[in-house]
Amino acid sequence: MIKPHGSEQLNPLYVADEAKRAALLEEAQTLPSLLLNSAAAANAVMLGAGYFTPLNGYMNLADAKSVANSLKTTDGLFWPVPVVNITNDISAIEGASRIALRDPNVEGNPVLAVMNVDAIEDVTVEELIAMAVEIFGTDDAEHPGVATFTGLGKYVLSGAIEVLNYSYFAADFPDTFRTAVEIRNEIADRGWEKVVAFQTRNPMHRAHEELCRMAQEDLNTDGILVHMLLGKLKKGDIPADVRDDCIRKMVDVYFPENTVMVTGYGFDMLYAGPREAVLHALFRQNCGCTHFIVGRDHAGVGDYYGGFDAQTIFDEKVPAGALDIEIYRADHTAYSKKLNKVIMMKDAPDHAKEDFILLSGTKVRQLLGDGIAPPPEFSRPEVAEILMNYYRSTQ
């Protein structure tokens, strides 16, 4: 199986030994504690689950700046996005060398992890903005990723962590949330050698379905990992439980048995476009995937990125050999009425370039909200029914 990034084996920071975890939870009650923001909590979950192998914890300011500027830590590890714990208030932990990290996303704020504090460093808004420009390609405060990152706080806490639970993800999505360790094990159990991963934060329409099928056929892979983000999104995006239902229905009805794994991971969307595409590829390598689909405007938002910037970054900023996973580059994919099938637009013959069924997200939401299913060439009727029920429930 493909090796994890930067290591011979996965480095999950979750404490699996029950006795040790119980002892750490008991110790945590005696430690100064910090209430994390959602971004830092999501980073802890990803570290715990092994997705961020080989990292041992949160980056310091020098590493965060180095990653933002050059896609590598100060010691040369290739990494596309800073993994940080930034906060506004250190009054409860100042001077402490060991602290409990509390979960902001679960009622009662239980302990999520225990941290050895290597450093607490001041960071200015100007420094955060400078990093945001590198990560997101803009300093526009209207960009949801920029707004989140530059508003995280004014202190950077760095150090190794031991993760004690997976926040709300394991409890709310028991059939879907999986760690990198669990995905690797299931890939091995299924006997898959070549696996292509598909990232989604949305329900999958026909073009997404066919794109997965195209990639599997073109690459001759044994299986597809449909890997959905389960964390926080921007306002207006479909909730994770609804997306989960839609994707499972599509896979159950339209894919052969033992060709698709439907799983999810506990992370908040960054909307970092090209940089996030590289991060997505990196942690899919840690999952055991050999290939990763990067489509048009991958992980984008608004018009901040060019349609294929998330593909060209792998040529322009990812050094040869930095990642072992291979990229499957996809064009805009849609249903051609003349050809009577879903194809990539770049592959359309001249006589079939103007007859694609294309619907904007706004138009689709309007149809679904009015109880009207989009054309079956755009969305499977079983999926449309789930979405119509959701939109009706919000009215």
Protein backbone atom coordinates (compact mmCIF):
# COMPACT_ATOMS: atom_id res chain seq x y z
CA MET A 1 0.00 0.00 0.00
CA ILE A 2 1.11 3.59 -0.65
CA LYS A 3 3.18 5.03 2.20
CA PRO A 4 1.84 7.85 4.37
CA HIS A 5 3.21 11.32 3.78
CA GLY A 6 6.65 11.88 5.27
CA SER A 7 6.64 8.63 7.23
CA GLU A 8 6.81 4.87 6.96
CA GLN A 9 3.61 4.52 8.97
CA LEU A 10 0.65 6.56 10.09
CA ASN A 11 1.03 8.79 13.12
CA PRO A 12 -2.48 9.05 14.65
CA LEU A 13 -2.43 11.15 17.82
CA TYR A 14 -5.59 9.60 19.24
CA VAL A 15 -4.89 7.71 22.48
CA ALA A 16 -6.30 4.27 21.70
CA ASP A 17 -5.26 2.58 24.93
CA GLU A 18 -8.32 2.83 27.20
CA ALA A 19 -6.42 2.89 30.47
CA LYS A 20 -4.07 5.61 29.26
CA ARG A 21 -6.95 7.63 27.84
CA ALA A 22 -8.84 7.38 31.14
CA ALA A 23 -5.73 8.51 33.02
CA LEU A 24 -5.29 11.48 30.68
CA LEU A 25 -8.93 12.47 31.07
CA GLU A 26 -8.50 12.37 34.84
CA GLU A 27 -5.30 14.42 34.60
CA ALA A 28 -7.02 16.93 32.32
CA GLN A 29 -9.42 17.86 35.11
CA THR A 30 -6.45 19.18 37.08
CA LEU A 31 -4.87 21.13 34.22
CA PRO A 32 -5.43 24.72 33.10
CA SER A 33 -7.77 24.57 30.14
CA LEU A 34 -8.26 26.41 26.87
CA LEU A 35 -11.53 26.54 24.97
CA LEU A 36 -10.53 26.01 21.34
CA ASN A 37 -12.09 27.70 18.35
CA SER A 38 -13.65 25.42 15.73
CA ALA A 39 -10.64 25.60 13.42
CA ALA A 40 -8.19 24.45 16.11
CA ALA A 41 -10.62 21.73 17.23
CA ALA A 42 -10.90 20.44 13.66
CA ASN A 43 -7.10 20.38 13.40
CA ALA A 44 -6.99 18.29 16.59
CA VAL A 45 -9.48 15.80 15.15
CA MET A 46 -7.46 15.48 11.93
CA LEU A 47 -4.25 15.02 13.93
CA GLY A 48 -5.92 12.43 16.12
CA ALA A 49 -7.27 10.50 13.14
CA GLY A 50 -3.89 10.26 11.41
CA TYR A 51 -4.88 12.41 8.45
CA PHE A 52 -2.16 14.93 9.27
CA THR A 53 0.68 12.39 9.52
CA PRO A 54 3.54 12.94 10.30
CA LEU A 55 2.74 16.01 12.43
CA ASN A 56 2.83 15.61 16.23
CA GLY A 57 0.77 18.66 17.07
CA TYR A 58 0.23 22.34 16.34
CA MET A 59 2.81 24.36 14.40
CA ASN A 60 4.69 27.30 15.89
CA LEU A 61 4.63 30.72 14.25
CA ALA A 62 7.83 30.17 12.28
CA ASP A 63 6.51 26.92 10.80
CA ALA A 64 3.12 28.47 10.06
CA LYS A 65 4.77 31.35 8.19
CA SER A 66 7.12 28.99 6.37
CA VAL A 67 4.23 26.78 5.27
CA ALA A 68 2.22 29.80 4.12
CA ASN A 69 5.16 31.22 2.17
CA SER A 70 6.89 28.15 0.78
CA LEU A 71 4.67 25.07 1.44
CA LYS A 72 7.19 23.54 3.81
CA THR A 73 8.00 23.67 7.50
CA THR A 74 11.26 25.14 8.78
CA ASP A 75 12.76 21.65 8.81
CA GLY A 76 11.74 21.02 5.19
CA LEU A 77 8.59 18.89 5.51
CA PHE A 78 6.27 19.57 2.58
CA TRP A 79 2.95 20.91 3.88
CA PRO A 80 0.42 23.17 2.12
CA VAL A 81 -1.59 24.87 4.90
CA PRO A 82 -0.62 25.86 8.47
CA VAL A 83 -1.96 23.57 11.20
CA VAL A 84 -2.33 25.98 14.07
CA ASN A 85 -3.98 26.65 17.41
CA ILE A 86 -4.55 30.41 17.61
CA THR A 87 -6.53 32.00 20.42
CA ASN A 88 -7.53 35.41 21.75
CA ASP A 89 -7.25 34.74 25.48
CA ILE A 90 -4.39 33.01 27.30
CA SER A 91 -5.17 34.30 30.79
CA ALA A 92 -6.22 30.86 32.06
CA ILE A 93 -3.13 29.05 30.72
CA GLU A 94 -0.34 31.62 30.89
CA GLY A 95 2.83 30.02 32.21
CA ALA A 96 1.47 26.47 31.97
CA SER A 97 3.54 23.80 30.25
CA ARG A 98 0.69 21.32 29.96
CA ILE A 99 -2.97 22.17 29.31
CA ALA A 100 -6.33 20.64 28.51
CA LEU A 101 -7.95 21.63 25.21
CA ARG A 102 -11.73 21.89 25.35
CA ASP A 103 -14.14 21.31 22.50
CA PRO A 104 -16.21 24.33 21.39
CA ASN A 105 -18.56 22.21 19.27
CA VAL A 106 -19.93 19.83 21.91
CA GLU A 107 -22.26 20.80 24.73
CA GLY A 108 -20.44 21.18 28.01
CA ASN A 109 -17.09 21.71 26.23
CA PRO A 110 -15.51 18.34 27.13
CA VAL A 111 -11.77 17.82 26.92
CA LEU A 112 -10.76 17.09 23.36
CA ALA A 113 -7.00 16.75 23.86
CA VAL A 114 -4.11 17.32 26.22
CA MET A 115 -1.27 19.52 24.99
CA ASN A 116 2.35 20.01 25.92
CA VAL A 117 2.90 23.74 25.37
CA ASP A 118 6.23 24.42 23.65
CA ALA A 119 5.56 28.09 23.07
CA ILE A 120 2.94 30.81 23.21
CA GLU A 121 3.80 33.48 20.65
CA ASP A 122 2.20 36.81 19.82
CA VAL A 123 0.87 37.16 16.29
CA THR A 124 -0.36 40.41 14.81
CA VAL A 125 -3.31 40.94 12.52
CA GLU A 126 -0.81 42.08 9.88
CA GLU A 127 1.06 38.78 10.14
CA LEU A 128 -2.19 36.82 9.85
CA ILE A 129 -3.24 38.82 6.81
CA ALA A 130 0.16 38.25 5.19
CA MET A 131 -0.23 34.49 5.71
CA ALA A 132 -3.82 34.61 4.47
CA VAL A 133 -2.70 36.22 1.21
CA GLU A 134 -0.36 33.28 0.60
CA ILE A 135 -2.86 30.60 1.68
CA PHE A 136 -6.02 32.01 0.10
CA GLY A 137 -4.58 34.20 -2.63
CA THR A 138 -6.40 37.26 -1.28
CA ASP A 139 -6.80 39.46 1.78
CA ASP A 140 -10.46 40.15 1.02
CA ALA A 141 -12.38 39.97 4.30
CA GLU A 142 -15.44 38.80 2.34
CA HIS A 143 -13.63 35.54 1.57
CA PRO A 144 -14.92 33.10 4.24
CA GLY A 145 -11.53 31.47 4.72
CA VAL A 146 -9.73 34.78 5.08
CA ALA A 147 -12.35 36.04 7.53
CA THR A 148 -11.98 32.93 9.68
CA PHE A 149 -8.17 32.78 9.60
CA THR A 150 -7.51 36.46 10.30
CA GLY A 151 -10.04 36.42 13.13
CA LEU A 152 -8.65 33.44 15.03
CA GLY A 153 -6.83 35.47 17.67
CA LYS A 154 -3.51 36.99 18.69
CA TYR A 155 -1.60 34.11 20.31
CA VAL A 156 -0.14 31.05 18.59
CA LEU A 157 0.12 27.96 20.83
CA SER A 158 2.45 25.24 19.58
CA GLY A 159 3.26 21.80 20.85
CA ALA A 160 2.46 18.10 20.73
CA ILE A 161 -1.03 16.88 21.58
CA GLU A 162 -2.71 13.67 22.68
CA VAL A 163 -6.26 13.42 21.34
CA LEU A 164 -8.91 11.87 23.59
CA ASN A 165 -12.01 11.87 21.36
CA TYR A 166 -13.22 12.82 17.89
CA SER A 167 -15.52 15.68 18.88
CA TYR A 168 -19.08 15.30 17.55
CA PHE A 169 -18.09 13.51 14.36
CA ALA A 170 -18.00 9.92 15.62
CA ALA A 171 -21.23 10.34 17.60
CA ASP A 172 -23.22 12.21 14.92
CA PHE A 173 -21.94 10.20 11.95
CA PRO A 174 -21.19 6.70 13.28
CA ASP A 175 -21.67 5.04 9.89
CA THR A 176 -19.63 7.60 7.98
CA PHE A 177 -16.85 9.19 10.06
CA ARG A 178 -13.65 7.20 9.64
CA THR A 179 -10.05 7.79 10.63
CA ALA A 180 -7.20 7.42 8.19
CA VAL A 181 -6.27 4.27 10.10
CA GLU A 182 -9.73 2.78 9.60
CA ILE A 183 -9.81 3.65 5.90
CA ARG A 184 -6.40 2.07 5.31
CA ASN A 185 -7.56 -1.05 7.12
CA GLU A 186 -10.76 -1.29 5.08
CA ILE A 187 -8.89 -0.79 1.82
CA ALA A 188 -6.65 -3.69 2.81
CA ASP A 189 -9.63 -5.83 3.87
CA ARG A 190 -11.32 -5.22 0.51
CA GLY A 191 -8.15 -6.25 -1.30
CA TRP A 192 -7.90 -2.97 -3.19
CA GLU A 193 -4.49 -1.97 -4.53
CA LYS A 194 -5.39 1.15 -6.53
CA VAL A 195 -7.92 3.56 -5.07
CA VAL A 196 -9.11 6.92 -6.38
CA ALA A 197 -10.51 9.44 -3.89
CA PHE A 198 -13.27 11.94 -4.52
CA GLN A 199 -13.63 14.98 -2.22
CA THR A 200 -17.05 16.49 -1.68
CA ARG A 201 -18.73 19.07 0.51
CA ASN A 202 -21.97 18.85 -1.50
CA PRO A 203 -24.49 16.19 -2.49
CA MET A 204 -23.25 14.47 -5.64
CA HIS A 205 -25.14 15.16 -8.85
CA ARG A 206 -24.88 13.15 -12.07
CA ALA A 207 -21.68 14.84 -13.22
CA HIS A 208 -19.92 13.97 -9.94
CA GLU A 209 -21.14 10.39 -10.16
CA GLU A 210 -19.91 9.99 -13.72
CA LEU A 211 -16.62 11.72 -12.92
CA CYS A 212 -15.91 9.07 -10.30
CA ARG A 213 -16.81 6.37 -12.80
CA MET A 214 -14.59 7.93 -15.48
CA ALA A 215 -11.65 8.15 -13.11
CA GLN A 216 -12.05 4.55 -12.01
CA GLU A 217 -12.17 3.34 -15.62
CA ASP A 218 -9.35 5.58 -16.89
CA LEU A 219 -7.04 4.69 -14.00
CA ASN A 220 -8.18 1.06 -13.72
CA THR A 221 -8.57 1.36 -9.98
CA ASP A 222 -10.08 -1.30 -7.75
CA GLY A 223 -12.31 1.14 -5.90
CA ILE A 224 -13.45 4.68 -5.20
CA LEU A 225 -13.24 6.47 -1.87
CA VAL A 226 -16.05 9.01 -1.66
CA HIS A 227 -14.77 11.11 1.21
CA MET A 228 -17.06 13.87 2.44
CA LEU A 229 -16.29 16.77 4.71
CA LEU A 230 -18.42 16.58 7.87
CA GLY A 231 -17.40 19.83 9.54
CA LYS A 232 -18.47 23.44 9.28
CA LEU A 233 -19.31 25.07 5.97
CA LYS A 234 -20.38 28.52 4.85
CA LYS A 235 -23.97 29.70 5.19
CA GLY A 236 -26.29 28.12 2.63
CA ASP A 237 -24.37 24.87 2.09
CA ILE A 238 -26.22 21.57 2.56
CA PRO A 239 -25.86 20.05 6.08
CA ALA A 240 -23.64 17.01 6.41
CA ASP A 241 -26.39 14.56 7.37
CA VAL A 242 -28.40 15.44 4.25
CA ARG A 243 -25.32 15.11 2.03
CA ASP A 244 -24.57 11.77 3.63
CA ASP A 245 -28.07 10.47 2.85
CA CYS A 246 -27.86 11.68 -0.75
CA ILE A 247 -24.47 10.14 -1.43
CA ARG A 248 -25.34 6.80 0.14
CA LYS A 249 -28.54 6.58 -1.89
CA MET A 250 -26.66 7.31 -5.11
CA VAL A 251 -23.99 4.71 -4.37
CA ASP A 252 -26.50 2.06 -3.29
CA VAL A 253 -28.58 2.42 -6.46
CA TYR A 254 -26.06 3.25 -9.17
CA PHE A 255 -22.71 1.63 -8.32
CA PRO A 256 -21.82 -2.07 -8.24
CA GLU A 257 -21.26 -3.61 -4.82
CA ASN A 258 -17.72 -3.34 -3.37
CA THR A 259 -16.63 -0.58 -5.73
CA VAL A 260 -17.24 2.47 -3.51
CA MET A 261 -16.46 3.31 0.12
CA VAL A 262 -18.61 6.13 1.51
CA THR A 263 -16.76 7.81 4.36
CA GLY A 264 -16.32 11.20 5.97
CA TYR A 265 -13.73 13.18 7.89
CA GLY A 266 -13.95 15.73 10.68
CA PHE A 267 -12.70 19.04 9.36
CA ASP A 268 -14.04 22.51 8.66
CA MET A 269 -13.96 23.75 5.07
CA LEU A 270 -11.17 26.25 4.44
CA TYR A 271 -12.23 27.46 0.97
CA ALA A 272 -8.53 27.80 0.16
CA GLY A 273 -8.85 26.63 -3.43
CA PRO A 274 -5.48 25.43 -4.78
CA ARG A 275 -3.80 25.14 -1.37
CA GLU A 276 -6.72 23.14 -0.03
CA ALA A 277 -6.60 20.85 -3.07
CA VAL A 278 -3.00 19.99 -2.17
CA LEU A 279 -3.98 19.39 1.45
CA HIS A 280 -6.82 17.15 0.24
CA ALA A 281 -4.37 15.13 -1.84
CA LEU A 282 -1.91 14.83 1.04
CA PHE A 283 -4.35 13.43 3.55
CA ARG A 284 -5.91 11.09 0.96
CA GLN A 285 -2.42 9.64 0.54
CA ASN A 286 -2.45 9.13 4.30
CA CYS A 287 -5.77 7.29 3.86
CA GLY A 288 -4.08 4.84 1.49
CA CYS A 289 -5.39 6.22 -1.81
CA THR A 290 -3.16 6.09 -4.87
CA HIS A 291 -5.05 8.72 -6.90
CA PHE A 292 -7.09 11.83 -6.18
CA ILE A 293 -9.60 13.63 -8.40
CA VAL A 294 -9.04 17.37 -8.71
CA GLY A 295 -11.82 19.04 -10.62
CA ARG A 296 -12.67 22.49 -11.83
CA ASP A 297 -12.65 25.14 -9.06
CA HIS A 298 -11.74 22.53 -6.46
CA ALA A 299 -12.34 23.83 -2.91
CA GLY A 300 -13.09 27.25 -4.33
CA VAL A 301 -15.57 29.91 -3.38
CA GLY A 302 -16.92 32.87 -5.34
CA ASP A 303 -14.59 33.96 -8.14
CA TYR A 304 -11.37 34.10 -6.14
CA TYR A 305 -9.64 31.34 -8.13
CA GLY A 306 -9.22 30.43 -11.76
CA GLY A 307 -11.13 27.35 -12.89
CA PHE A 308 -8.03 25.14 -13.00
CA ASP A 309 -5.73 26.79 -10.46
CA ALA A 310 -6.24 23.79 -8.16
CA GLN A 311 -4.64 21.61 -10.84
CA THR A 312 -1.80 23.85 -11.98
CA ILE A 313 -0.57 24.30 -8.40
CA PHE A 314 0.60 20.68 -8.53
CA ASP A 315 2.86 21.65 -11.46
CA GLU A 316 3.97 25.03 -10.16
CA LYS A 317 4.35 24.67 -6.38
CA VAL A 318 4.47 20.98 -5.48
CA PRO A 319 8.05 19.75 -5.87
CA ALA A 320 8.65 16.46 -7.65
CA GLY A 321 8.44 13.63 -5.14
CA ALA A 322 6.80 15.74 -2.43
CA LEU A 323 3.67 13.57 -2.66
CA ASP A 324 3.33 9.98 -3.83
CA ILE A 325 -0.39 10.20 -4.64
CA GLU A 326 -1.21 10.94 -8.29
CA ILE A 327 -3.70 13.57 -9.47
CA TYR A 328 -6.56 12.84 -11.87
CA ARG A 329 -7.34 16.13 -13.57
CA ALA A 330 -10.97 16.68 -14.42
CA ASP A 331 -12.66 19.29 -16.56
CA HIS A 332 -16.17 20.65 -16.03
CA THR A 333 -18.40 17.61 -16.46
CA ALA A 334 -22.03 17.70 -17.56
CA TYR A 335 -24.75 15.90 -19.53
CA SER A 336 -24.63 16.36 -23.31
CA LYS A 337 -28.08 16.12 -24.92
CA LYS A 338 -26.59 15.41 -28.36
CA LEU A 339 -24.37 12.61 -27.07
CA ASN A 340 -26.95 11.40 -24.53
CA LYS A 341 -24.38 10.99 -21.77
CA VAL A 342 -22.26 12.81 -19.21
CA ILE A 343 -18.84 13.79 -20.51
CA MET A 344 -16.04 16.22 -19.72
CA MET A 345 -16.52 19.39 -21.71
CA LYS A 346 -12.96 19.26 -23.02
CA ASP A 347 -13.76 15.92 -24.63
CA ALA A 348 -16.91 17.13 -26.39
CA PRO A 349 -16.79 17.07 -30.21
CA ASP A 350 -17.47 20.37 -31.95
CA HIS A 351 -21.07 19.49 -32.76
CA ALA A 352 -21.88 18.87 -29.10
CA LYS A 353 -20.22 21.83 -27.36
CA GLU A 354 -23.33 23.96 -26.85
CA ASP A 355 -25.97 21.56 -25.61
CA PHE A 356 -24.90 20.71 -22.07
CA ILE A 357 -27.45 20.69 -19.28
CA LEU A 358 -26.00 23.27 -16.92
CA LEU A 359 -27.79 24.59 -13.85
CA SER A 360 -26.47 27.13 -11.38
CA GLY A 361 -26.54 26.33 -7.68
CA THR A 362 -29.07 29.13 -7.22
CA LYS A 363 -31.36 27.64 -9.87
CA VAL A 364 -31.11 24.15 -8.39
CA ARG A 365 -31.90 25.42 -4.88
CA GLN A 366 -34.89 27.33 -6.27
CA LEU A 367 -36.24 24.23 -8.04
CA LEU A 368 -35.78 22.02 -5.00
CA GLY A 369 -37.33 24.61 -2.71
CA ASP A 370 -40.36 24.75 -5.01
CA GLY A 371 -40.67 20.96 -4.87
CA ILE A 372 -39.50 20.54 -8.46
CA ALA A 373 -36.86 17.92 -9.21
CA PRO A 374 -34.00 19.03 -11.47
CA PRO A 375 -33.78 17.18 -14.80
CA PRO A 376 -32.76 13.52 -14.33
CA GLU A 377 -29.74 14.23 -16.53
CA PHE A 378 -28.56 16.60 -13.80
CA SER A 379 -29.62 14.83 -10.61
CA ARG A 380 -30.72 11.29 -9.87
CA PRO A 381 -34.42 11.31 -8.90
CA GLU A 382 -33.73 9.42 -5.65
CA VAL A 383 -31.22 12.10 -4.66
CA ALA A 384 -33.51 14.93 -5.72
CA GLU A 385 -36.27 13.55 -3.49
CA ILE A 386 -34.01 13.68 -0.43
CA LEU A 387 -33.02 17.25 -1.24
CA MET A 388 -36.60 18.38 -1.87
CA ASN A 389 -37.61 16.98 1.51
CA TYR A 390 -34.75 18.89 3.12
CA TYR A 391 -35.63 22.21 1.47
CA ARG A 392 -39.28 21.76 2.34
CA SER A 393 -38.29 21.26 6.00
CA THR A 394 -36.45 24.60 6.03
CA GLN A 395 -39.41 26.64 4.76
